[in-house]
Amino acid sequence: TLQVELVRPTVFFLGLTSFVTYVPAQK
């Protein structure tokens, strides 16, 4: 479970999570 709180409603946020900077890196 990952919880994310935004500053303001952002209609494109879900799509933005497909962007490469948002992908996980194995610690």
PDB file of all heavy atoms in Angstrom:
ATOM      1  N   THR A   1       0.824  -1.207   0.000  1.00  0.00           N
ATOM      2  CA  THR A   1       0.000   0.000   0.000  1.00  0.00           C
ATOM      3  C   THR A   1       0.857   1.255   0.000  1.00  0.00           C
ATOM      4  O   THR A   1       1.670   1.470   0.891  1.00  0.00           O
ATOM      5  CB  THR A   1      -0.936   0.039   1.226  1.00  0.00           C
ATOM      6  OG1 THR A   1      -1.625  -1.208   1.347  1.00  0.00           O
ATOM      7  CG2 THR A   1      -1.946   1.168   1.082  1.00  0.00           C
ATOM      8  N   LEU A   2       0.671   2.089  -1.029  1.00  0.00           N
ATOM      9  CA  LEU A   2       1.355   3.373  -1.124  1.00  0.00           C
ATOM     10  C   LEU A   2       0.307   4.481  -1.076  1.00  0.00           C
ATOM     11  O   LEU A   2      -0.643   4.470  -1.845  1.00  0.00           O
ATOM     12  CB  LEU A   2       2.131   3.466  -2.448  1.00  0.00           C
ATOM     13  CG  LEU A   2       2.864   4.789  -2.701  1.00  0.00           C
ATOM     14  CD1 LEU A   2       4.065   4.923  -1.764  1.00  0.00           C
ATOM     15  CD2 LEU A   2       3.313   4.887  -4.163  1.00  0.00           C
ATOM     16  N   GLN A   3       0.515   5.425  -0.168  1.00  0.00           N
ATOM     17  CA  GLN A   3      -0.419   6.544  -0.046  1.00  0.00           C
ATOM     18  C   GLN A   3       0.278   7.838  -0.445  1.00  0.00           C
ATOM     19  O   GLN A   3       1.393   8.121  -0.004  1.00  0.00           O
ATOM     20  CB  GLN A   3      -0.963   6.664   1.373  1.00  0.00           C
ATOM     21  CG  GLN A   3      -2.089   7.682   1.504  1.00  0.00           C
ATOM     22  CD  GLN A   3      -2.730   7.646   2.873  1.00  0.00           C
ATOM     23  OE1 GLN A   3      -2.273   8.308   3.800  1.00  0.00           O
ATOM     24  NE2 GLN A   3      -3.778   6.850   3.028  1.00  0.00           N
ATOM     25  N   VAL A   4      -0.397   8.609  -1.287  1.00  0.00           N
ATOM     26  CA  VAL A   4       0.170   9.856  -1.802  1.00  0.00           C
ATOM     27  C   VAL A   4      -0.818  10.986  -1.543  1.00  0.00           C
ATOM     28  O   VAL A   4      -2.002  10.861  -1.873  1.00  0.00           O
ATOM     29  CB  VAL A   4       0.451   9.769  -3.315  1.00  0.00           C
ATOM     30  CG1 VAL A   4       1.125  11.054  -3.815  1.00  0.00           C
ATOM     31  CG2 VAL A   4       1.317   8.555  -3.634  1.00  0.00           C
ATOM     32  N   GLU A   5      -0.321  12.080  -0.940  1.00  0.00           N
ATOM     33  CA  GLU A   5      -1.159  13.250  -0.706  1.00  0.00           C
ATOM     34  C   GLU A   5      -0.667  14.404  -1.572  1.00  0.00           C
ATOM     35  O   GLU A   5       0.517  14.751  -1.541  1.00  0.00           O
ATOM     36  CB  GLU A   5      -1.125  13.659   0.774  1.00  0.00           C
ATOM     37  CG  GLU A   5      -2.048  14.827   1.079  1.00  0.00           C
ATOM     38  CD  GLU A   5      -2.121  15.172   2.554  1.00  0.00           C
ATOM     39  OE1 GLU A   5      -1.476  14.469   3.359  1.00  0.00           O
ATOM     40  OE2 GLU A   5      -2.827  16.139   2.898  1.00  0.00           O
ATOM     41  N   LEU A   6      -1.571  14.995  -2.338  1.00  0.00           N
ATOM     42  CA  LEU A   6      -1.231  16.069  -3.254  1.00  0.00           C
ATOM     43  C   LEU A   6      -1.431  17.445  -2.620  1.00  0.00           C
ATOM     44  O   LEU A   6      -2.147  17.592  -1.631  1.00  0.00           O
ATOM     45  CB  LEU A   6      -2.069  15.979  -4.526  1.00  0.00           C
ATOM     46  CG  LEU A   6      -2.027  14.662  -5.313  1.00  0.00           C
ATOM     47  CD1 LEU A   6      -2.835  14.799  -6.600  1.00  0.00           C
ATOM     48  CD2 LEU A   6      -0.596  14.243  -5.607  1.00  0.00           C
ATOM     49  N   VAL A   7      -0.809  18.433  -3.232  1.00  0.00           N
ATOM     50  CA  VAL A   7      -0.975  19.815  -2.795  1.00  0.00           C
ATOM     51  C   VAL A   7      -2.343  20.328  -3.205  1.00  0.00           C
ATOM     52  O   VAL A   7      -3.016  21.044  -2.452  1.00  0.00           O
ATOM     53  CB  VAL A   7       0.118  20.711  -3.411  1.00  0.00           C
ATOM     54  CG1 VAL A   7      -0.089  22.174  -3.022  1.00  0.00           C
ATOM     55  CG2 VAL A   7       1.503  20.239  -3.023  1.00  0.00           C
ATOM     56  N   ARG A   8      -2.762  19.961  -4.400  1.00  0.00           N
ATOM     57  CA  ARG A   8      -4.033  20.403  -4.957  1.00  0.00           C
ATOM     58  C   ARG A   8      -4.502  19.330  -5.950  1.00  0.00           C
ATOM     59  O   ARG A   8      -3.686  18.521  -6.415  1.00  0.00           O
ATOM     60  CB  ARG A   8      -3.875  21.747  -5.671  1.00  0.00           C
ATOM     61  CG  ARG A   8      -2.980  21.699  -6.878  1.00  0.00           C
ATOM     62  CD  ARG A   8      -2.676  23.065  -7.438  1.00  0.00           C
ATOM     63  NE  ARG A   8      -1.936  23.883  -6.483  1.00  0.00           N
ATOM     64  CZ  ARG A   8      -0.604  23.814  -6.327  1.00  0.00           C
ATOM     65  NH1 ARG A   8       0.112  22.965  -7.047  1.00  0.00           N
ATOM     66  NH2 ARG A   8       0.012  24.580  -5.455  1.00  0.00           N
ATOM     67  N   PRO A   9      -5.783  19.290  -6.279  1.00  0.00           N
ATOM     68  CA  PRO A   9      -6.230  18.306  -7.276  1.00  0.00           C
ATOM     69  C   PRO A   9      -5.438  18.466  -8.576  1.00  0.00           C
ATOM     70  O   PRO A   9      -5.245  19.573  -9.074  1.00  0.00           O
ATOM     71  CB  PRO A   9      -7.710  18.674  -7.479  1.00  0.00           C
ATOM     72  CG  PRO A   9      -8.120  19.293  -6.182  1.00  0.00           C
ATOM     73  CD  PRO A   9      -6.907  20.076  -5.728  1.00  0.00           C
ATOM     74  N   THR A  10      -4.963  17.356  -9.090  1.00  0.00           N
ATOM     75  CA  THR A  10      -4.132  17.357 -10.296  1.00  0.00           C
ATOM     76  C   THR A  10      -4.673  16.292 -11.242  1.00  0.00           C
ATOM     77  O   THR A  10      -4.444  15.094 -11.024  1.00  0.00           O
ATOM     78  CB  THR A  10      -2.657  17.076  -9.946  1.00  0.00           C
ATOM     79  OG1 THR A  10      -2.207  18.026  -8.959  1.00  0.00           O
ATOM     80  CG2 THR A  10      -1.766  17.161 -11.173  1.00  0.00           C
ATOM     81  N   VAL A  11      -5.384  16.733 -12.271  1.00  0.00           N
ATOM     82  CA  VAL A  11      -6.127  15.774 -13.097  1.00  0.00           C
ATOM     83  C   VAL A  11      -5.236  14.798 -13.831  1.00  0.00           C
ATOM     84  O   VAL A  11      -5.654  13.686 -14.157  1.00  0.00           O
ATOM     85  CB  VAL A  11      -7.027  16.508 -14.115  1.00  0.00           C
ATOM     86  CG1 VAL A  11      -8.102  17.293 -13.414  1.00  0.00           C
ATOM     87  CG2 VAL A  11      -6.199  17.418 -15.017  1.00  0.00           C
ATOM     88  N   PHE A  12      -3.969  15.185 -14.086  1.00  0.00           N
ATOM     89  CA  PHE A  12      -3.102  14.285 -14.848  1.00  0.00           C
ATOM     90  C   PHE A  12      -2.152  13.489 -13.959  1.00  0.00           C
ATOM     91  O   PHE A  12      -1.218  12.858 -14.451  1.00  0.00           O
ATOM     92  CB  PHE A  12      -2.299  15.069 -15.897  1.00  0.00           C
ATOM     93  CG  PHE A  12      -1.532  16.256 -15.355  1.00  0.00           C
ATOM     94  CD1 PHE A  12      -0.341  16.096 -14.679  1.00  0.00           C
ATOM     95  CD2 PHE A  12      -2.020  17.542 -15.533  1.00  0.00           C
ATOM     96  CE1 PHE A  12       0.366  17.177 -14.190  1.00  0.00           C
ATOM     97  CE2 PHE A  12      -1.328  18.639 -15.047  1.00  0.00           C
ATOM     98  CZ  PHE A  12      -0.134  18.459 -14.371  1.00  0.00           C
ATOM     99  N   PHE A  13      -2.394  13.472 -12.652  1.00  0.00           N
ATOM    100  CA  PHE A  13      -1.438  12.822 -11.761  1.00  0.00           C
ATOM    101  C   PHE A  13      -1.304  11.326 -12.029  1.00  0.00           C
ATOM    102  O   PHE A  13      -0.192  10.783 -12.040  1.00  0.00           O
ATOM    103  CB  PHE A  13      -1.806  13.048 -10.286  1.00  0.00           C
ATOM    104  CG  PHE A  13      -0.843  12.385  -9.338  1.00  0.00           C
ATOM    105  CD1 PHE A  13       0.449  12.876  -9.189  1.00  0.00           C
ATOM    106  CD2 PHE A  13      -1.208  11.246  -8.629  1.00  0.00           C
ATOM    107  CE1 PHE A  13       1.358  12.249  -8.340  1.00  0.00           C
ATOM    108  CE2 PHE A  13      -0.304  10.621  -7.780  1.00  0.00           C
ATOM    109  CZ  PHE A  13       0.980  11.128  -7.634  1.00  0.00           C
ATOM    110  N   LEU A  14      -2.421  10.639 -12.246  1.00  0.00           N
ATOM    111  CA  LEU A  14      -2.331   9.198 -12.498  1.00  0.00           C
ATOM    112  C   LEU A  14      -1.486   8.914 -13.733  1.00  0.00           C
ATOM    113  O   LEU A  14      -0.629   8.028 -13.721  1.00  0.00           O
ATOM    114  CB  LEU A  14      -3.722   8.596 -12.669  1.00  0.00           C
ATOM    115  CG  LEU A  14      -4.475   8.259 -11.384  1.00  0.00           C
ATOM    116  CD1 LEU A  14      -5.879   7.778 -11.717  1.00  0.00           C
ATOM    117  CD2 LEU A  14      -3.731   7.198 -10.586  1.00  0.00           C
ATOM    118  N   GLY A  15      -1.722   9.660 -14.801  1.00  0.00           N
ATOM    119  CA  GLY A  15      -0.922   9.468 -15.998  1.00  0.00           C
ATOM    120  C   GLY A  15       0.541   9.769 -15.748  1.00  0.00           C
ATOM    121  O   GLY A  15       1.428   9.116 -16.302  1.00  0.00           O
ATOM    122  N   LEU A  16       0.808  10.773 -14.897  1.00  0.00           N
ATOM    123  CA  LEU A  16       2.183  11.158 -14.613  1.00  0.00           C
ATOM    124  C   LEU A  16       2.956  10.029 -13.941  1.00  0.00           C
ATOM    125  O   LEU A  16       4.171   9.910 -14.105  1.00  0.00           O
ATOM    126  CB  LEU A  16       2.190  12.406 -13.721  1.00  0.00           C
ATOM    127  CG  LEU A  16       3.522  13.128 -13.540  1.00  0.00           C
ATOM    128  CD1 LEU A  16       4.073  13.611 -14.877  1.00  0.00           C
ATOM    129  CD2 LEU A  16       3.355  14.302 -12.578  1.00  0.00           C
ATOM    130  N   THR A  17       2.261   9.170 -13.203  1.00  0.00           N
ATOM    131  CA  THR A  17       2.961   8.078 -12.519  1.00  0.00           C
ATOM    132  C   THR A  17       3.497   7.024 -13.476  1.00  0.00           C
ATOM    133  O   THR A  17       4.242   6.134 -13.067  1.00  0.00           O
ATOM    134  CB  THR A  17       2.053   7.389 -11.470  1.00  0.00           C
ATOM    135  OG1 THR A  17       0.950   6.751 -12.117  1.00  0.00           O
ATOM    136  CG2 THR A  17       1.548   8.381 -10.440  1.00  0.00           C
ATOM    137  N   SER A  18       3.142   7.123 -14.755  1.00  0.00           N
ATOM    138  CA  SER A  18       3.746   6.219 -15.735  1.00  0.00           C
ATOM    139  C   SER A  18       5.087   6.757 -16.216  1.00  0.00           C
ATOM    140  O   SER A  18       5.839   6.045 -16.878  1.00  0.00           O
ATOM    141  CB  SER A  18       2.810   6.043 -16.939  1.00  0.00           C
ATOM    142  OG  SER A  18       2.710   7.243 -17.681  1.00  0.00           O
ATOM    143  N   PHE A  19       5.376   8.017 -15.903  1.00  0.00           N
ATOM    144  CA  PHE A  19       6.619   8.655 -16.342  1.00  0.00           C
ATOM    145  C   PHE A  19       7.805   7.996 -15.653  1.00  0.00           C
ATOM    146  O   PHE A  19       7.734   7.566 -14.502  1.00  0.00           O
ATOM    147  CB  PHE A  19       6.557  10.152 -16.017  1.00  0.00           C
ATOM    148  CG  PHE A  19       7.698  10.938 -16.569  1.00  0.00           C
ATOM    149  CD1 PHE A  19       8.027  10.869 -17.908  1.00  0.00           C
ATOM    150  CD2 PHE A  19       8.451  11.757 -15.751  1.00  0.00           C
ATOM    151  CE1 PHE A  19       9.082  11.603 -18.420  1.00  0.00           C
ATOM    152  CE2 PHE A  19       9.507  12.489 -16.245  1.00  0.00           C
ATOM    153  CZ  PHE A  19       9.827  12.411 -17.589  1.00  0.00           C
ATOM    154  N   VAL A  20       8.931   7.942 -16.349  1.00  0.00           N
ATOM    155  CA  VAL A  20      10.062   7.138 -15.895  1.00  0.00           C
ATOM    156  C   VAL A  20      10.591   7.576 -14.530  1.00  0.00           C
ATOM    157  O   VAL A  20      11.021   6.735 -13.726  1.00  0.00           O
ATOM    158  CB  VAL A  20      11.186   7.165 -16.955  1.00  0.00           C
ATOM    159  CG1 VAL A  20      11.737   8.571 -17.137  1.00  0.00           C
ATOM    160  CG2 VAL A  20      12.297   6.203 -16.586  1.00  0.00           C
ATOM    161  N   THR A  21      10.545   8.866 -14.205  1.00  0.00           N
ATOM    162  CA  THR A  21      11.064   9.309 -12.909  1.00  0.00           C
ATOM    163  C   THR A  21      10.253   8.732 -11.755  1.00  0.00           C
ATOM    164  O   THR A  21      10.740   8.628 -10.627  1.00  0.00           O
ATOM    165  CB  THR A  21      11.071  10.843 -12.833  1.00  0.00           C
ATOM    166  OG1 THR A  21      11.574  11.376 -14.057  1.00  0.00           O
ATOM    167  CG2 THR A  21      11.965  11.331 -11.704  1.00  0.00           C
ATOM    168  N   TYR A  22       9.019   8.331 -12.021  1.00  0.00           N
ATOM    169  CA  TYR A  22       8.135   7.796 -10.995  1.00  0.00           C
ATOM    170  C   TYR A  22       8.241   6.277 -10.823  1.00  0.00           C
ATOM    171  O   TYR A  22       7.592   5.717  -9.946  1.00  0.00           O
ATOM    172  CB  TYR A  22       6.682   8.146 -11.332  1.00  0.00           C
ATOM    173  CG  TYR A  22       6.224   9.503 -10.843  1.00  0.00           C
ATOM    174  CD1 TYR A  22       6.486  10.660 -11.559  1.00  0.00           C
ATOM    175  CD2 TYR A  22       5.499   9.635  -9.657  1.00  0.00           C
ATOM    176  CE1 TYR A  22       6.048  11.906 -11.127  1.00  0.00           C
ATOM    177  CE2 TYR A  22       5.051  10.867  -9.216  1.00  0.00           C
ATOM    178  CZ  TYR A  22       5.330  12.006  -9.950  1.00  0.00           C
ATOM    179  OH  TYR A  22       4.887  13.232  -9.508  1.00  0.00           O
ATOM    180  N   VAL A  23       9.013   5.597 -11.657  1.00  0.00           N
ATOM    181  CA  VAL A  23       9.083   4.142 -11.521  1.00  0.00           C
ATOM    182  C   VAL A  23       9.910   3.774 -10.291  1.00  0.00           C
ATOM    183  O   VAL A  23      10.743   4.560  -9.831  1.00  0.00           O
ATOM    184  CB  VAL A  23       9.661   3.470 -12.785  1.00  0.00           C
ATOM    185  CG1 VAL A  23       8.867   3.864 -14.022  1.00  0.00           C
ATOM    186  CG2 VAL A  23      11.137   3.790 -12.959  1.00  0.00           C
ATOM    187  N   PRO A  24       9.708   2.598  -9.743  1.00  0.00           N
ATOM    188  CA  PRO A  24      10.445   2.229  -8.532  1.00  0.00           C
ATOM    189  C   PRO A  24      11.894   1.865  -8.814  1.00  0.00           C
ATOM    190  O   PRO A  24      12.243   1.421  -9.908  1.00  0.00           O
ATOM    191  CB  PRO A  24       9.677   1.000  -8.026  1.00  0.00           C
ATOM    192  CG  PRO A  24       9.126   0.373  -9.273  1.00  0.00           C
ATOM    193  CD  PRO A  24       8.757   1.546 -10.161  1.00  0.00           C
ATOM    194  N   ALA A  25      12.728   2.098  -7.830  1.00  0.00           N
ATOM    195  CA  ALA A  25      14.116   1.635  -7.868  1.00  0.00           C
ATOM    196  C   ALA A  25      14.313   0.722  -6.659  1.00  0.00           C
ATOM    197  O   ALA A  25      13.866   1.037  -5.555  1.00  0.00           O
ATOM    198  CB  ALA A  25      15.087   2.815  -7.808  1.00  0.00           C
ATOM    199  N   GLN A  26      14.950  -0.404  -6.881  1.00  0.00           N
ATOM    200  CA  GLN A  26      15.174  -1.344  -5.775  1.00  0.00           C
ATOM    201  C   GLN A  26      16.249  -0.789  -4.849  1.00  0.00           C
ATOM    202  O   GLN A  26      17.403  -0.589  -5.256  1.00  0.00           O
ATOM    203  CB  GLN A  26      15.593  -2.708  -6.323  1.00  0.00           C
ATOM    204  CG  GLN A  26      15.618  -3.783  -5.248  1.00  0.00           C
ATOM    205  CD  GLN A  26      16.290  -5.060  -5.735  1.00  0.00           C
ATOM    206  OE1 GLN A  26      17.492  -5.059  -5.973  1.00  0.00           O
ATOM    207  NE2 GLN A  26      15.516  -6.124  -5.901  1.00  0.00           N
ATOM    208  N   LYS A  27      15.871  -0.546  -3.620  1.00  0.00           N
ATOM    209  CA  LYS A  27      16.790   0.060  -2.655  1.00  0.00           C
ATOM    210  C   LYS A  27      18.067  -0.756  -2.507  1.00  0.00           C
ATOM    211  O   LYS A  27      19.179  -0.202  -2.473  1.00  0.00           O
ATOM    212  CB  LYS A  27      16.101   0.195  -1.301  1.00  0.00           C
ATOM    213  CG  LYS A  27      16.972   0.833  -0.229  1.00  0.00           C
ATOM    214  CD  LYS A  27      16.222   0.964   1.086  1.00  0.00           C
ATOM    215  CE  LYS A  27      17.098   1.595   2.163  1.00  0.00           C
ATOM    216  NZ  LYS A  27      16.369   1.713   3.455  1.00  0.00           N
TER     217      LYS A  27
END
